[in-house]
């Protein structure tokens, strides 16, 4: 993202959200801060409020396409967005994804606006029983993920082997 865009990111985001939410008034964006994380993509957190049927105030995430390590379509932001949308409401917890935008007039690159979920990524100081509950929950999520009907979820765009037995081999070979 260009420095000029970053300098006025609050204004760009307010204009974009007003465009996406034409039924609301007085869209205000504040507290725009770059995330130190983001799994190699540029990521920004911001607060937004507006007036509609009722006043709304949220903290959202802007995840931009610019990336330091992924260069192939397998890792595109659009693909990430489509996977997250398919997983919404499933046993696999994902933040709600509101919009994928590829019109360069907004930020000069594709981006996603999604819900921000406050969370911790380190459990170093937690007692062993807490760590065990976290691990058990993670295993439950993995098991649920592996038992989902990906075709019914609209994930066919990810591709699949003709034979189930070939899945692991294809993954290793690509």
N, C-alpha and C. Protein backbone atom coordinates (compact mmCIF):
# COMPACT_ATOMS: atom_id res chain seq x y z
N UNK A 1 0.84 -1.16 0.00
CA UNK A 1 0.00 0.00 0.00
C UNK A 1 0.90 1.24 0.00
N UNK A 2 0.54 2.20 -0.79
CA UNK A 2 1.34 3.42 -0.92
C UNK A 2 1.26 4.26 0.36
N UNK A 3 2.36 4.94 0.72
CA UNK A 3 2.36 5.78 1.92
C UNK A 3 1.25 6.82 1.94
N UNK A 4 0.91 7.38 0.76
CA UNK A 4 -0.16 8.37 0.69
C UNK A 4 -1.51 7.75 1.08
N UNK A 5 -1.71 6.51 0.68
CA UNK A 5 -2.95 5.81 1.03
C UNK A 5 -2.98 5.51 2.52
N UNK A 6 -1.86 5.07 3.05
CA UNK A 6 -1.78 4.77 4.48
C UNK A 6 -2.05 6.02 5.31
N UNK A 7 -1.54 7.16 4.87
CA UNK A 7 -1.72 8.42 5.60
C UNK A 7 -3.19 8.82 5.71
N UNK A 8 -4.00 8.41 4.76
CA UNK A 8 -5.42 8.75 4.81
C UNK A 8 -6.31 7.50 4.85
N UNK A 9 -5.79 6.44 5.44
CA UNK A 9 -6.51 5.17 5.48
C UNK A 9 -7.85 5.28 6.18
N UNK A 10 -7.94 6.08 7.23
CA UNK A 10 -9.22 6.25 7.91
C UNK A 10 -10.27 6.83 6.96
N UNK A 11 -9.89 7.79 6.14
CA UNK A 11 -10.83 8.40 5.19
C UNK A 11 -11.22 7.42 4.08
N UNK A 12 -10.24 6.67 3.58
CA UNK A 12 -10.52 5.69 2.53
C UNK A 12 -11.46 4.61 3.05
N UNK A 13 -11.20 4.12 4.25
CA UNK A 13 -12.06 3.08 4.83
C UNK A 13 -13.47 3.61 5.08
N UNK A 14 -13.59 4.83 5.57
CA UNK A 14 -14.92 5.42 5.80
C UNK A 14 -15.69 5.54 4.48
N UNK A 15 -15.02 5.97 3.43
CA UNK A 15 -15.66 6.09 2.12
C UNK A 15 -16.06 4.71 1.59
N UNK A 16 -15.20 3.73 1.76
CA UNK A 16 -15.50 2.38 1.27
C UNK A 16 -16.70 1.80 2.02
N UNK A 17 -16.71 1.94 3.33
CA UNK A 17 -17.82 1.39 4.11
C UNK A 17 -19.13 2.11 3.79
N UNK A 18 -19.08 3.41 3.57
CA UNK A 18 -20.28 4.15 3.16
C UNK A 18 -20.77 3.64 1.81
N UNK A 19 -19.86 3.33 0.91
CA UNK A 19 -20.20 2.75 -0.40
C UNK A 19 -20.87 1.38 -0.22
N UNK A 20 -20.30 0.54 0.66
CA UNK A 20 -20.83 -0.81 0.87
C UNK A 20 -22.12 -0.82 1.69
N UNK A 21 -22.33 0.21 2.48
CA UNK A 21 -23.50 0.28 3.36
C UNK A 21 -24.30 1.54 3.05
N UNK A 22 -24.90 1.62 1.87
CA UNK A 22 -25.58 2.86 1.49
C UNK A 22 -26.79 3.21 2.36
N UNK A 23 -27.29 2.25 3.12
CA UNK A 23 -28.47 2.49 3.95
C UNK A 23 -28.13 3.13 5.30
N UNK A 24 -26.84 3.30 5.60
CA UNK A 24 -26.47 3.89 6.88
C UNK A 24 -25.94 5.30 6.69
N UNK A 25 -25.82 6.02 7.80
CA UNK A 25 -25.35 7.41 7.76
C UNK A 25 -24.19 7.59 8.72
N UNK A 26 -23.44 8.64 8.48
CA UNK A 26 -22.41 9.08 9.41
C UNK A 26 -21.38 7.99 9.72
N UNK A 27 -20.81 7.39 8.69
CA UNK A 27 -19.78 6.37 8.88
C UNK A 27 -18.50 7.05 9.36
N UNK A 28 -18.00 6.58 10.48
CA UNK A 28 -16.78 7.16 11.06
C UNK A 28 -15.78 6.05 11.34
N UNK A 29 -14.56 6.25 10.93
CA UNK A 29 -13.48 5.30 11.17
C UNK A 29 -12.44 5.99 12.05
N UNK A 30 -11.97 5.27 13.06
CA UNK A 30 -10.95 5.82 13.96
C UNK A 30 -10.03 4.70 14.44
N UNK A 31 -8.99 5.11 15.12
CA UNK A 31 -8.05 4.17 15.74
C UNK A 31 -7.48 3.15 14.76
N UNK A 32 -7.09 3.62 13.58
CA UNK A 32 -6.49 2.74 12.58
C UNK A 32 -5.06 2.44 13.02
N UNK A 33 -4.77 1.15 13.18
CA UNK A 33 -3.44 0.75 13.63
C UNK A 33 -3.02 -0.51 12.88
N UNK A 34 -1.77 -0.52 12.46
CA UNK A 34 -1.26 -1.68 11.74
C UNK A 34 -0.98 -2.80 12.73
N UNK A 35 -1.38 -4.00 12.36
CA UNK A 35 -1.12 -5.17 13.18
C UNK A 35 0.32 -5.60 13.01
N UNK A 36 0.91 -6.04 14.09
CA UNK A 36 2.27 -6.57 13.99
C UNK A 36 2.25 -8.01 13.51
N UNK A 37 1.07 -8.63 13.51
CA UNK A 37 0.93 -10.00 13.00
C UNK A 37 0.30 -9.95 11.62
N UNK A 38 -0.35 -11.01 11.23
CA UNK A 38 -1.06 -11.01 9.96
C UNK A 38 -0.64 -12.11 9.04
N UNK A 39 0.24 -12.97 9.50
CA UNK A 39 0.65 -14.11 8.69
C UNK A 39 1.15 -13.68 7.33
N UNK A 40 2.02 -12.70 7.30
CA UNK A 40 2.74 -12.21 6.12
C UNK A 40 1.94 -11.31 5.20
N UNK A 41 0.73 -10.96 5.54
CA UNK A 41 -0.03 -9.97 4.77
C UNK A 41 -0.14 -8.69 5.61
N UNK A 42 -0.28 -7.60 4.94
CA UNK A 42 -0.50 -6.33 5.61
C UNK A 42 -1.89 -6.37 6.25
N UNK A 43 -1.95 -6.04 7.53
CA UNK A 43 -3.22 -6.13 8.25
C UNK A 43 -3.36 -4.92 9.17
N UNK A 44 -4.56 -4.34 9.17
CA UNK A 44 -4.84 -3.14 9.95
C UNK A 44 -6.12 -3.36 10.75
N UNK A 45 -6.14 -2.87 11.99
CA UNK A 45 -7.34 -2.89 12.82
C UNK A 45 -7.89 -1.47 12.88
N UNK A 46 -9.21 -1.38 12.97
CA UNK A 46 -9.82 -0.06 13.07
C UNK A 46 -11.20 -0.15 13.70
N UNK A 47 -11.60 0.94 14.32
CA UNK A 47 -12.94 1.06 14.88
C UNK A 47 -13.81 1.78 13.87
N UNK A 48 -15.05 1.36 13.78
CA UNK A 48 -15.99 2.01 12.88
C UNK A 48 -17.33 2.15 13.60
N UNK A 49 -18.01 3.23 13.29
CA UNK A 49 -19.36 3.42 13.82
C UNK A 49 -20.20 4.06 12.72
N UNK A 50 -21.51 3.85 12.83
CA UNK A 50 -22.44 4.47 11.91
C UNK A 50 -23.83 4.47 12.52
N UNK A 51 -24.70 5.24 11.91
CA UNK A 51 -26.10 5.29 12.33
C UNK A 51 -26.95 4.65 11.25
N UNK A 52 -27.84 3.81 11.67
CA UNK A 52 -28.79 3.16 10.78
C UNK A 52 -30.07 2.95 11.55
N UNK A 53 -30.64 1.75 11.47
CA UNK A 53 -31.81 1.45 12.31
C UNK A 53 -31.45 1.62 13.77
N UNK A 54 -30.21 1.28 14.09
CA UNK A 54 -29.67 1.49 15.43
C UNK A 54 -28.20 1.88 15.26
N UNK A 55 -27.65 2.61 16.22
CA UNK A 55 -26.23 2.93 16.12
C UNK A 55 -25.39 1.66 16.20
N UNK A 56 -24.32 1.59 15.42
CA UNK A 56 -23.44 0.43 15.39
C UNK A 56 -22.02 0.89 15.65
N UNK A 57 -21.30 0.11 16.43
CA UNK A 57 -19.89 0.36 16.68
C UNK A 57 -19.18 -0.99 16.67
N UNK A 58 -18.12 -1.12 15.86
CA UNK A 58 -17.42 -2.39 15.71
C UNK A 58 -15.93 -2.14 15.59
N UNK A 59 -15.17 -3.19 15.84
CA UNK A 59 -13.76 -3.19 15.51
C UNK A 59 -13.59 -4.19 14.38
N UNK A 60 -13.00 -3.73 13.28
CA UNK A 60 -12.85 -4.56 12.09
C UNK A 60 -11.38 -4.70 11.73
N UNK A 61 -11.13 -5.56 10.76
CA UNK A 61 -9.78 -5.79 10.25
C UNK A 61 -9.77 -5.56 8.75
N UNK A 62 -8.77 -4.86 8.30
CA UNK A 62 -8.48 -4.72 6.88
C UNK A 62 -7.29 -5.62 6.62
N UNK A 63 -7.46 -6.57 5.73
CA UNK A 63 -6.37 -7.48 5.35
C UNK A 63 -6.08 -7.23 3.89
N UNK A 64 -4.91 -6.69 3.61
CA UNK A 64 -4.57 -6.29 2.25
C UNK A 64 -3.83 -7.42 1.54
N UNK A 65 -3.86 -7.36 0.23
CA UNK A 65 -3.27 -8.40 -0.60
C UNK A 65 -1.75 -8.39 -0.57
N UNK A 66 -1.16 -7.20 -0.34
CA UNK A 66 0.30 -7.15 -0.37
C UNK A 66 0.85 -8.21 0.56
N UNK A 67 1.87 -8.88 0.08
CA UNK A 67 2.33 -10.07 0.77
C UNK A 67 3.83 -10.21 0.62
N UNK A 68 4.47 -10.71 1.63
CA UNK A 68 5.92 -10.84 1.59
C UNK A 68 6.40 -12.19 1.10
N UNK A 69 5.54 -13.20 1.09
CA UNK A 69 6.07 -14.51 0.72
C UNK A 69 5.19 -15.32 -0.23
N UNK A 70 3.90 -15.07 -0.29
CA UNK A 70 3.03 -15.87 -1.15
C UNK A 70 2.90 -15.23 -2.52
N UNK A 71 3.16 -15.96 -3.56
CA UNK A 71 3.09 -15.40 -4.91
C UNK A 71 2.21 -16.20 -5.86
N UNK A 72 1.63 -17.29 -5.39
CA UNK A 72 0.85 -18.13 -6.29
C UNK A 72 -0.65 -18.00 -6.00
N UNK A 73 -1.45 -18.44 -6.94
CA UNK A 73 -2.90 -18.33 -6.80
C UNK A 73 -3.43 -19.19 -5.65
N UNK A 74 -2.69 -20.21 -5.27
CA UNK A 74 -3.09 -21.06 -4.14
C UNK A 74 -3.19 -20.25 -2.86
N UNK A 75 -2.45 -19.17 -2.78
CA UNK A 75 -2.40 -18.36 -1.57
C UNK A 75 -3.03 -16.99 -1.74
N UNK A 76 -3.86 -16.82 -2.74
CA UNK A 76 -4.43 -15.51 -3.01
C UNK A 76 -5.39 -15.09 -1.90
N UNK A 77 -5.51 -13.79 -1.73
CA UNK A 77 -6.43 -13.26 -0.74
C UNK A 77 -7.87 -13.59 -1.10
N UNK A 78 -8.19 -13.60 -2.38
CA UNK A 78 -9.55 -13.96 -2.79
C UNK A 78 -9.87 -15.40 -2.38
N UNK A 79 -8.94 -16.30 -2.59
CA UNK A 79 -9.13 -17.70 -2.20
C UNK A 79 -9.31 -17.81 -0.68
N UNK A 80 -8.48 -17.09 0.07
CA UNK A 80 -8.60 -17.06 1.53
C UNK A 80 -10.00 -16.59 1.93
N UNK A 81 -10.46 -15.51 1.30
CA UNK A 81 -11.79 -14.97 1.59
C UNK A 81 -12.87 -16.01 1.31
N UNK A 82 -12.81 -16.67 0.18
CA UNK A 82 -13.82 -17.67 -0.19
C UNK A 82 -13.84 -18.84 0.79
N UNK A 83 -12.67 -19.26 1.25
CA UNK A 83 -12.61 -20.34 2.23
C UNK A 83 -13.23 -19.90 3.55
N UNK A 84 -12.86 -18.71 4.01
CA UNK A 84 -13.43 -18.20 5.26
C UNK A 84 -14.95 -18.07 5.16
N UNK A 85 -15.45 -17.56 4.03
CA UNK A 85 -16.91 -17.42 3.85
C UNK A 85 -17.58 -18.79 3.93
N UNK A 86 -16.97 -19.79 3.31
CA UNK A 86 -17.55 -21.14 3.33
C UNK A 86 -17.56 -21.71 4.74
N UNK A 87 -16.58 -21.35 5.55
CA UNK A 87 -16.47 -21.89 6.90
C UNK A 87 -17.34 -21.16 7.92
N UNK A 88 -17.86 -19.99 7.58
CA UNK A 88 -18.72 -19.26 8.51
C UNK A 88 -19.90 -20.14 8.92
N UNK A 89 -20.14 -20.21 10.20
CA UNK A 89 -21.25 -21.01 10.71
C UNK A 89 -20.92 -22.49 10.86
N UNK A 90 -19.72 -22.88 10.52
CA UNK A 90 -19.31 -24.28 10.67
C UNK A 90 -18.65 -24.47 12.03
N UNK A 91 -18.31 -25.71 12.37
CA UNK A 91 -17.59 -25.94 13.64
C UNK A 91 -16.16 -25.38 13.65
N UNK A 92 -15.66 -24.96 12.50
CA UNK A 92 -14.33 -24.36 12.43
C UNK A 92 -14.48 -22.86 12.65
N UNK A 93 -13.95 -22.34 13.76
CA UNK A 93 -14.15 -20.92 14.06
C UNK A 93 -13.31 -20.02 13.15
N UNK A 94 -13.98 -19.12 12.48
CA UNK A 94 -13.31 -18.12 11.64
C UNK A 94 -14.00 -16.78 11.88
N UNK A 95 -13.28 -15.68 11.72
CA UNK A 95 -13.94 -14.38 11.83
C UNK A 95 -14.87 -14.18 10.64
N UNK A 96 -15.94 -13.45 10.85
CA UNK A 96 -16.87 -13.16 9.76
C UNK A 96 -16.18 -12.28 8.73
N UNK A 97 -16.28 -12.66 7.48
CA UNK A 97 -15.69 -11.89 6.38
C UNK A 97 -16.81 -11.13 5.69
N UNK A 98 -16.68 -9.81 5.66
CA UNK A 98 -17.75 -8.99 5.10
C UNK A 98 -17.59 -8.78 3.60
N UNK A 99 -16.41 -8.32 3.16
CA UNK A 99 -16.24 -8.01 1.73
C UNK A 99 -14.85 -8.37 1.26
N UNK A 100 -14.80 -8.85 0.02
CA UNK A 100 -13.55 -8.95 -0.72
C UNK A 100 -13.64 -7.89 -1.80
N UNK A 101 -12.62 -7.08 -1.93
CA UNK A 101 -12.64 -6.00 -2.91
C UNK A 101 -11.39 -6.06 -3.77
N UNK A 102 -11.58 -6.05 -5.09
CA UNK A 102 -10.41 -6.04 -5.97
C UNK A 102 -10.36 -4.81 -6.87
N UNK A 103 -11.25 -3.85 -6.63
CA UNK A 103 -11.21 -2.60 -7.38
C UNK A 103 -10.05 -1.75 -6.85
N UNK A 104 -9.04 -1.46 -7.69
CA UNK A 104 -7.85 -0.74 -7.21
C UNK A 104 -8.09 0.72 -6.83
N UNK A 105 -9.28 1.26 -7.12
CA UNK A 105 -9.50 2.68 -6.79
C UNK A 105 -9.50 2.93 -5.28
N UNK A 106 -9.72 1.89 -4.48
CA UNK A 106 -9.78 2.10 -3.04
C UNK A 106 -8.40 2.13 -2.41
N UNK A 107 -7.65 1.05 -2.55
CA UNK A 107 -6.33 0.96 -1.90
C UNK A 107 -5.20 0.68 -2.87
N UNK A 108 -5.53 0.49 -4.14
CA UNK A 108 -4.50 0.16 -5.11
C UNK A 108 -4.18 -1.31 -5.18
N UNK A 109 -4.86 -2.12 -4.39
CA UNK A 109 -4.66 -3.57 -4.34
C UNK A 109 -5.90 -4.22 -3.73
N UNK A 110 -6.08 -5.52 -3.97
CA UNK A 110 -7.22 -6.21 -3.35
C UNK A 110 -7.11 -6.23 -1.82
N UNK A 111 -8.27 -6.31 -1.18
CA UNK A 111 -8.30 -6.39 0.28
C UNK A 111 -9.59 -7.05 0.74
N UNK A 112 -9.60 -7.41 2.02
CA UNK A 112 -10.76 -8.00 2.69
C UNK A 112 -11.05 -7.16 3.93
N UNK A 113 -12.33 -6.96 4.19
CA UNK A 113 -12.77 -6.38 5.46
C UNK A 113 -13.44 -7.52 6.22
N UNK A 114 -12.94 -7.76 7.42
CA UNK A 114 -13.49 -8.84 8.23
C UNK A 114 -13.61 -8.41 9.68
N UNK A 115 -14.33 -9.19 10.40
CA UNK A 115 -14.50 -8.99 11.83
C UNK A 115 -13.15 -9.15 12.54
N UNK A 116 -12.97 -8.41 13.60
CA UNK A 116 -11.78 -8.62 14.42
C UNK A 116 -12.20 -9.37 15.67
N UNK A 117 -11.48 -10.41 15.96
CA UNK A 117 -11.73 -11.20 17.16
C UNK A 117 -10.53 -11.04 18.08
N UNK A 118 -10.78 -10.56 19.27
CA UNK A 118 -9.71 -10.43 20.25
C UNK A 118 -9.30 -11.83 20.69
N UNK A 119 -8.02 -12.08 20.69
CA UNK A 119 -7.53 -13.40 21.07
C UNK A 119 -6.08 -13.31 21.51
N UNK A 120 -5.64 -14.37 22.15
CA UNK A 120 -4.23 -14.47 22.53
C UNK A 120 -3.59 -15.56 21.68
N UNK A 121 -2.32 -15.41 21.45
CA UNK A 121 -1.60 -16.43 20.68
C UNK A 121 -0.54 -17.14 21.51
N UNK A 122 -0.35 -16.72 22.74
CA UNK A 122 0.62 -17.38 23.61
C UNK A 122 -0.07 -17.82 24.89
N UNK A 123 0.17 -19.04 25.24
CA UNK A 123 -0.39 -19.59 26.47
C UNK A 123 0.72 -20.07 27.39
N UNK A 124 1.89 -19.44 27.25
CA UNK A 124 3.08 -19.87 27.98
C UNK A 124 2.88 -19.86 29.49
N UNK A 125 2.16 -18.89 30.02
CA UNK A 125 2.00 -18.79 31.47
C UNK A 125 0.80 -19.52 32.03
N UNK A 126 0.09 -20.22 31.18
CA UNK A 126 -1.13 -20.91 31.63
C UNK A 126 -0.80 -22.22 32.34
N UNK A 127 -1.65 -22.62 33.29
CA UNK A 127 -1.42 -23.90 33.96
C UNK A 127 -1.64 -25.07 32.99
N UNK A 128 -1.05 -26.20 33.27
CA UNK A 128 -1.15 -27.36 32.37
C UNK A 128 -2.59 -27.76 32.03
N UNK A 129 -3.51 -27.66 32.97
CA UNK A 129 -4.90 -28.06 32.69
C UNK A 129 -5.55 -27.13 31.66
N UNK A 130 -5.21 -25.86 31.70
CA UNK A 130 -5.72 -24.91 30.70
C UNK A 130 -5.14 -25.23 29.33
N UNK A 131 -3.85 -25.46 29.28
CA UNK A 131 -3.21 -25.82 28.01
C UNK A 131 -3.84 -27.10 27.44
N UNK A 132 -4.12 -28.05 28.31
CA UNK A 132 -4.73 -29.32 27.87
C UNK A 132 -6.12 -29.07 27.26
N UNK A 133 -6.93 -28.21 27.89
CA UNK A 133 -8.26 -27.88 27.35
C UNK A 133 -8.14 -27.21 25.99
N UNK A 134 -7.16 -26.34 25.83
CA UNK A 134 -6.95 -25.67 24.54
C UNK A 134 -6.57 -26.69 23.47
N UNK A 135 -5.66 -27.59 23.80
CA UNK A 135 -5.25 -28.62 22.85
C UNK A 135 -6.42 -29.54 22.50
N UNK A 136 -7.20 -29.93 23.50
CA UNK A 136 -8.36 -30.79 23.24
C UNK A 136 -9.36 -30.11 22.32
N UNK A 137 -9.59 -28.82 22.55
CA UNK A 137 -10.52 -28.07 21.70
C UNK A 137 -9.99 -27.97 20.28
N UNK A 138 -8.69 -27.75 20.14
CA UNK A 138 -8.07 -27.70 18.82
C UNK A 138 -8.25 -29.02 18.07
N UNK A 139 -8.07 -30.13 18.76
CA UNK A 139 -8.25 -31.45 18.14
C UNK A 139 -9.72 -31.64 17.72
N UNK A 140 -10.65 -31.17 18.53
CA UNK A 140 -12.08 -31.25 18.16
C UNK A 140 -12.35 -30.47 16.88
N UNK A 141 -11.74 -29.29 16.76
CA UNK A 141 -11.92 -28.48 15.55
C UNK A 141 -11.34 -29.20 14.34
N UNK A 142 -10.15 -29.76 14.49
CA UNK A 142 -9.54 -30.52 13.38
C UNK A 142 -10.42 -31.70 12.97
N UNK A 143 -10.95 -32.42 13.94
CA UNK A 143 -11.81 -33.56 13.63
C UNK A 143 -13.06 -33.09 12.90
N UNK A 144 -13.66 -32.01 13.35
CA UNK A 144 -14.85 -31.47 12.67
C UNK A 144 -14.51 -31.05 11.25
N UNK A 145 -13.37 -30.41 11.09
CA UNK A 145 -12.94 -29.97 9.76
C UNK A 145 -12.80 -31.15 8.81
N UNK A 146 -12.27 -32.24 9.29
CA UNK A 146 -12.05 -33.40 8.43
C UNK A 146 -13.31 -34.21 8.17
N UNK A 147 -14.37 -33.91 8.88
CA UNK A 147 -15.61 -34.64 8.64
C UNK A 147 -16.65 -33.81 7.90
N UNK A 148 -16.31 -32.59 7.52
CA UNK A 148 -17.24 -31.73 6.79
C UNK A 148 -17.39 -32.18 5.34
N UNK A 149 -18.57 -31.92 4.80
CA UNK A 149 -18.82 -32.20 3.38
C UNK A 149 -18.41 -30.95 2.59
N UNK A 150 -17.18 -30.94 2.10
CA UNK A 150 -16.64 -29.76 1.44
C UNK A 150 -17.41 -29.40 0.18
N UNK A 151 -18.02 -30.40 -0.47
CA UNK A 151 -18.80 -30.09 -1.68
C UNK A 151 -20.05 -29.28 -1.31
N UNK A 152 -20.74 -29.71 -0.26
CA UNK A 152 -21.94 -28.98 0.18
C UNK A 152 -21.61 -27.59 0.70
N UNK A 153 -20.40 -27.42 1.17
CA UNK A 153 -19.99 -26.12 1.70
C UNK A 153 -19.53 -25.16 0.61
N UNK A 154 -19.50 -25.63 -0.63
CA UNK A 154 -19.09 -24.76 -1.73
C UNK A 154 -17.59 -24.64 -1.88
N UNK A 155 -16.85 -25.63 -1.43
CA UNK A 155 -15.40 -25.59 -1.50
C UNK A 155 -14.82 -26.38 -2.67
N UNK A 156 -15.66 -26.72 -3.63
CA UNK A 156 -15.18 -27.48 -4.79
C UNK A 156 -14.11 -26.72 -5.56
N UNK A 157 -14.10 -25.41 -5.48
CA UNK A 157 -13.09 -24.63 -6.20
C UNK A 157 -11.67 -24.95 -5.73
N UNK A 158 -11.53 -25.60 -4.58
CA UNK A 158 -10.21 -25.97 -4.09
C UNK A 158 -9.63 -27.15 -4.85
N UNK A 159 -10.50 -27.86 -5.56
CA UNK A 159 -10.02 -29.02 -6.32
C UNK A 159 -9.96 -30.25 -5.44
N UNK A 160 -9.97 -31.39 -6.07
CA UNK A 160 -9.89 -32.65 -5.34
C UNK A 160 -9.37 -33.74 -6.26
N UNK A 161 -8.75 -34.70 -5.68
CA UNK A 161 -8.28 -35.85 -6.44
C UNK A 161 -9.47 -36.67 -6.90
N UNK A 162 -9.30 -37.34 -8.01
CA UNK A 162 -10.37 -38.24 -8.49
C UNK A 162 -10.58 -39.37 -7.50
N UNK A 163 -9.50 -39.81 -6.87
CA UNK A 163 -9.60 -40.90 -5.88
C UNK A 163 -9.09 -40.39 -4.53
N UNK A 164 -9.85 -40.68 -3.49
CA UNK A 164 -9.47 -40.26 -2.15
C UNK A 164 -8.07 -40.74 -1.79
N UNK A 165 -7.74 -41.92 -2.23
CA UNK A 165 -6.44 -42.51 -1.91
C UNK A 165 -5.27 -41.68 -2.45
N UNK A 166 -5.52 -40.86 -3.46
CA UNK A 166 -4.46 -40.08 -4.09
C UNK A 166 -4.24 -38.69 -3.46
N UNK A 167 -5.10 -38.28 -2.54
CA UNK A 167 -5.02 -36.93 -1.98
C UNK A 167 -3.66 -36.61 -1.36
N UNK A 168 -3.19 -37.45 -0.47
CA UNK A 168 -1.93 -37.19 0.22
C UNK A 168 -0.77 -37.16 -0.78
N UNK A 169 -0.75 -38.09 -1.71
CA UNK A 169 0.31 -38.14 -2.70
C UNK A 169 0.33 -36.86 -3.55
N UNK A 170 -0.84 -36.39 -3.97
CA UNK A 170 -0.90 -35.16 -4.76
C UNK A 170 -0.41 -33.96 -3.97
N UNK A 171 -0.74 -33.93 -2.71
CA UNK A 171 -0.30 -32.82 -1.86
C UNK A 171 1.22 -32.80 -1.75
N UNK A 172 1.83 -33.95 -1.57
CA UNK A 172 3.28 -34.04 -1.46
C UNK A 172 3.96 -33.68 -2.77
N UNK A 173 3.37 -34.06 -3.88
CA UNK A 173 3.98 -33.84 -5.18
C UNK A 173 3.85 -32.40 -5.68
N UNK A 174 2.94 -31.61 -5.13
CA UNK A 174 2.77 -30.23 -5.61
C UNK A 174 3.54 -29.23 -4.82
